[in-house]
């Protein structure tokens, strides 16, 4: 397999579109004349394929006949957040396969694969003869969540409205899929705690945070 850069005379992939049906995606594109097969790469958006070819093991061969029979390229989305598909035109030159590396981005498409839900509960227990109360946080995650994704905010006199509305505390460990019961913490009797994303714009596209 050899990689060549796209030129004005090289067949290239263009007009990529997609449709979603729950966790199923169908990709379509305009096939260049003379191209009978493509190689498809699927990966995170941060894994840029604009200026380099992925490892051959990460590419999937897909023929024009398969495309016609299926009405496109159909795939199941098992990821969280955004997924990037890149389609490379395959050419046969002197019995050697050549893949076309496009710099224009027209052979790439980003698909939103959905968000994993994070449920959390905060229980509190007052101690009659102490000036503190005990707080315990439980997190139920549909997928693994890094410790940097979430934080808890403490505010005196009422529940915080956002991350900036109180004192921010960060977690020490990642959250595993399923139920995570955190160690009990002590706060003032007039303190209230709530969970937030550390970066709502960044992590809100991957997770949905739900208080119970």
Protein backbone atom coordinates (compact mmCIF):
# COMPACT_ATOMS: atom_id res chain seq x y z
CA UNK A 1 0.00 0.00 0.00
CA UNK A 2 1.36 3.38 -1.04
CA UNK A 3 0.11 6.82 -0.09
CA UNK A 4 -0.06 9.65 -2.62
CA UNK A 5 -1.08 13.26 -2.17
CA UNK A 6 -4.18 14.45 -3.99
CA UNK A 7 -3.61 16.67 -7.02
CA UNK A 8 -5.90 18.42 -9.49
CA UNK A 9 -5.96 15.25 -11.60
CA UNK A 10 -6.31 12.72 -8.77
CA UNK A 11 -9.71 11.10 -8.09
CA UNK A 12 -10.94 12.36 -4.71
CA UNK A 13 -13.89 11.82 -2.38
CA UNK A 14 -16.38 14.68 -2.03
CA UNK A 15 -19.95 15.58 -1.02
CA UNK A 16 -19.95 13.49 2.14
CA UNK A 17 -23.26 13.39 4.04
CA UNK A 18 -24.75 11.27 6.80
CA UNK A 19 -28.04 10.28 8.38
CA UNK A 20 -28.67 8.99 11.90
CA UNK A 21 -31.17 6.46 13.22
CA UNK A 22 -30.60 6.10 16.97
CA UNK A 23 -27.16 4.45 17.24
CA UNK A 24 -26.85 3.72 13.52
CA UNK A 25 -25.21 6.03 11.01
CA UNK A 26 -25.26 5.88 7.22
CA UNK A 27 -22.50 7.69 5.31
CA UNK A 28 -22.78 8.68 1.67
CA UNK A 29 -20.37 10.37 -0.69
CA UNK A 30 -19.78 10.96 -4.39
CA UNK A 31 -17.58 8.26 -5.86
CA UNK A 32 -14.91 9.52 -8.30
CA UNK A 33 -14.88 7.91 -11.70
CA UNK A 34 -12.71 4.81 -11.90
CA UNK A 35 -12.54 4.19 -8.14
CA UNK A 36 -13.95 0.79 -7.17
CA UNK A 37 -12.95 0.69 -3.50
CA UNK A 38 -12.20 3.02 -0.60
CA UNK A 39 -10.62 2.68 2.81
CA UNK A 40 -12.50 4.12 5.78
CA UNK A 41 -11.03 5.35 9.05
CA UNK A 42 -13.10 5.98 12.17
CA UNK A 43 -11.70 7.82 15.16
CA UNK A 44 -12.03 10.76 17.57
CA UNK A 45 -12.10 14.27 16.15
CA UNK A 46 -8.89 15.13 18.00
CA UNK A 47 -7.13 12.43 15.98
CA UNK A 48 -6.54 14.56 12.89
CA UNK A 49 -6.14 12.65 9.63
CA UNK A 50 -5.66 15.75 7.49
CA UNK A 51 -1.91 15.47 6.98
CA UNK A 52 -1.14 11.81 7.61
CA UNK A 53 -2.48 8.37 6.86
CA UNK A 54 -3.68 6.22 9.80
CA UNK A 55 -2.16 2.81 10.41
CA UNK A 56 -3.28 0.24 7.87
CA UNK A 57 -4.78 -1.89 10.66
CA UNK A 58 -7.20 0.97 11.46
CA UNK A 59 -8.54 1.19 7.91
CA UNK A 60 -11.56 -0.71 6.63
CA UNK A 61 -11.91 -1.73 2.97
CA UNK A 62 -15.28 -0.92 1.43
CA UNK A 63 -16.11 -1.58 -2.18
CA UNK A 64 -18.36 0.28 -4.56
CA UNK A 65 -20.55 -2.80 -4.89
CA UNK A 66 -21.04 -2.98 -1.12
CA UNK A 67 -21.93 0.70 -1.13
CA UNK A 68 -24.57 0.20 -3.82
CA UNK A 69 -26.05 -2.85 -2.08
CA UNK A 70 -26.35 -1.06 1.28
CA UNK A 71 -27.26 2.38 -0.01
CA UNK A 72 -24.16 3.86 1.63
CA UNK A 73 -21.77 2.86 4.37
CA UNK A 74 -23.63 1.80 7.53
CA UNK A 75 -22.02 1.67 10.94
CA UNK A 76 -23.01 1.38 14.58
CA UNK A 77 -22.04 4.19 16.95
CA UNK A 78 -20.76 2.85 20.26
CA UNK A 79 -18.64 5.88 21.12
CA UNK A 80 -19.40 8.96 23.20
CA UNK A 81 -19.34 12.46 21.80
CA UNK A 82 -18.10 13.22 18.31
CA UNK A 83 -16.68 10.67 15.86
CA UNK A 84 -14.78 11.50 12.71
CA UNK A 85 -14.97 9.38 9.55
CA UNK A 86 -12.38 9.74 6.80
CA UNK A 87 -12.76 8.05 3.41
CA UNK A 88 -9.71 7.47 1.20
CA UNK A 89 -10.00 6.72 -2.52
CA UNK A 90 -8.12 3.58 -3.54
CA UNK A 91 -6.34 3.30 -6.88
CA UNK A 92 -4.58 0.36 -8.49
CA UNK A 93 -1.39 1.28 -10.30
CA UNK A 94 0.76 -1.52 -11.71
CA UNK A 95 -0.78 -4.02 -9.29
CA UNK A 96 0.00 -1.78 -6.33
CA UNK A 97 -2.69 -0.14 -4.18
CA UNK A 98 -2.45 3.62 -3.79
CA UNK A 99 -4.49 5.58 -1.25
CA UNK A 100 -5.19 9.25 -1.91
CA UNK A 101 -4.42 11.62 0.97
CA UNK A 102 -6.69 14.66 0.67
CA UNK A 103 -5.80 17.98 2.27
CA UNK A 104 -9.09 19.73 1.48
CA UNK A 105 -11.08 17.91 4.19
CA UNK A 106 -13.90 17.00 1.80
CA UNK A 107 -13.37 13.31 2.55
CA UNK A 108 -13.93 13.81 6.30
CA UNK A 109 -17.17 13.99 8.24
CA UNK A 110 -17.89 14.50 11.95
CA UNK A 111 -20.85 12.69 13.51
CA UNK A 112 -22.33 13.28 16.96
CA UNK A 113 -22.48 9.85 18.61
CA UNK A 114 -24.56 11.00 21.58
CA UNK A 115 -23.93 11.62 25.26
CA UNK A 116 -23.49 9.26 28.19
CA UNK A 117 -25.59 10.06 31.24
CA UNK A 118 -24.09 10.75 34.66
CA UNK A 119 -26.58 10.53 37.53
CA UNK A 120 -25.64 11.79 40.96
CA UNK A 121 -27.16 12.01 44.43
CA UNK A 122 -26.01 14.01 47.41
CA UNK A 123 -27.21 12.85 50.82
CA UNK A 124 -26.62 14.75 54.03
CA UNK A 125 -26.79 13.89 57.70
CA UNK A 126 -27.00 16.48 60.45
CA UNK A 127 -25.28 15.93 63.76
CA UNK A 128 -27.26 17.55 66.58
CA UNK A 129 -24.33 18.32 68.84
CA UNK A 130 -21.79 19.31 66.17
CA UNK A 131 -21.47 22.38 63.98
CA UNK A 132 -20.84 20.22 60.89
CA UNK A 133 -22.99 17.93 58.78
CA UNK A 134 -21.94 14.89 56.77
CA UNK A 135 -22.26 14.84 52.99
CA UNK A 136 -21.96 11.78 50.76
CA UNK A 137 -21.89 11.92 46.97
CA UNK A 138 -22.85 8.97 44.79
CA UNK A 139 -22.20 9.02 41.04
CA UNK A 140 -23.83 6.55 38.64
CA UNK A 141 -22.11 6.73 35.25
CA UNK A 142 -23.08 5.00 32.00
CA UNK A 143 -19.44 5.15 30.87
CA UNK A 144 -16.05 5.80 32.41
CA UNK A 145 -15.59 9.44 33.42
CA UNK A 146 -12.20 11.04 34.07
CA UNK A 147 -11.79 12.84 37.39
CA UNK A 148 -11.16 16.15 35.58
CA UNK A 149 -14.64 16.13 34.02
CA UNK A 150 -16.56 16.81 37.24
CA UNK A 151 -16.17 18.98 40.31
CA UNK A 152 -18.34 19.80 43.28
CA UNK A 153 -19.12 23.29 44.48
CA UNK A 154 -19.88 24.29 48.07
CA UNK A 155 -21.90 27.39 48.91
CA UNK A 156 -23.06 28.83 52.19
CA UNK A 157 -26.76 29.58 52.61
CA UNK A 158 -28.11 27.76 49.54
CA UNK A 159 -27.33 25.52 46.60
CA UNK A 160 -24.84 26.94 44.07
CA UNK A 161 -26.36 27.90 40.72
CA UNK A 162 -23.20 27.27 38.67
CA UNK A 163 -19.53 26.41 39.03
CA UNK A 164 -18.59 29.99 39.82
CA UNK A 165 -21.23 30.33 42.55
CA UNK A 166 -19.19 28.98 45.44
CA UNK A 167 -15.96 27.17 46.32
CA UNK A 168 -14.82 24.60 43.75
CA UNK A 169 -13.39 21.22 44.80
CA UNK A 170 -11.87 18.67 42.43
CA UNK A 171 -12.10 14.89 42.62
CA UNK A 172 -9.05 12.73 43.22
CA UNK A 173 -10.04 9.61 41.26
CA UNK A 174 -11.71 8.69 37.99
CA UNK A 175 -15.28 7.39 37.96
CA UNK A 176 -15.86 3.83 36.78
CA UNK A 177 -18.98 2.82 34.84
CA UNK A 178 -21.75 2.03 37.30
CA UNK A 179 -22.14 3.17 40.89
CA UNK A 180 -19.39 5.19 42.56
CA UNK A 181 -19.82 5.96 46.27
CA UNK A 182 -17.43 8.66 47.43
CA UNK A 183 -16.02 9.07 50.95
CA UNK A 184 -18.08 11.12 53.37
CA UNK A 185 -17.10 14.78 53.67
CA UNK A 186 -17.98 17.24 56.41
CA UNK A 187 -19.25 20.75 55.72
CA UNK A 188 -20.80 23.52 57.77
CA UNK A 189 -24.44 23.12 58.76
CA UNK A 190 -25.35 26.01 56.47
CA UNK A 191 -23.30 24.75 53.50
CA UNK A 192 -24.80 23.16 50.38
CA UNK A 193 -23.12 21.10 47.65
CA UNK A 194 -23.85 20.46 43.98
CA UNK A 195 -21.96 18.81 41.09
CA UNK A 196 -20.96 20.57 37.87
CA UNK A 197 -18.80 20.01 34.82
CA UNK A 198 -15.39 21.60 35.14
CA UNK A 199 -15.91 22.83 31.55
CA UNK A 200 -19.55 22.74 30.52
CA UNK A 201 -18.96 23.64 26.89
CA UNK A 202 -16.29 20.97 26.46
CA UNK A 203 -17.77 18.08 28.42
CA UNK A 204 -21.44 18.85 27.83
CA UNK A 205 -21.15 17.40 24.33
CA UNK A 206 -20.01 14.05 25.73
CA UNK A 207 -22.01 13.69 28.94
CA UNK A 208 -25.38 14.62 30.43
CA UNK A 209 -25.24 15.44 34.16
CA UNK A 210 -28.48 14.60 36.01
CA UNK A 211 -29.25 15.25 39.68
CA UNK A 212 -31.50 12.72 41.41
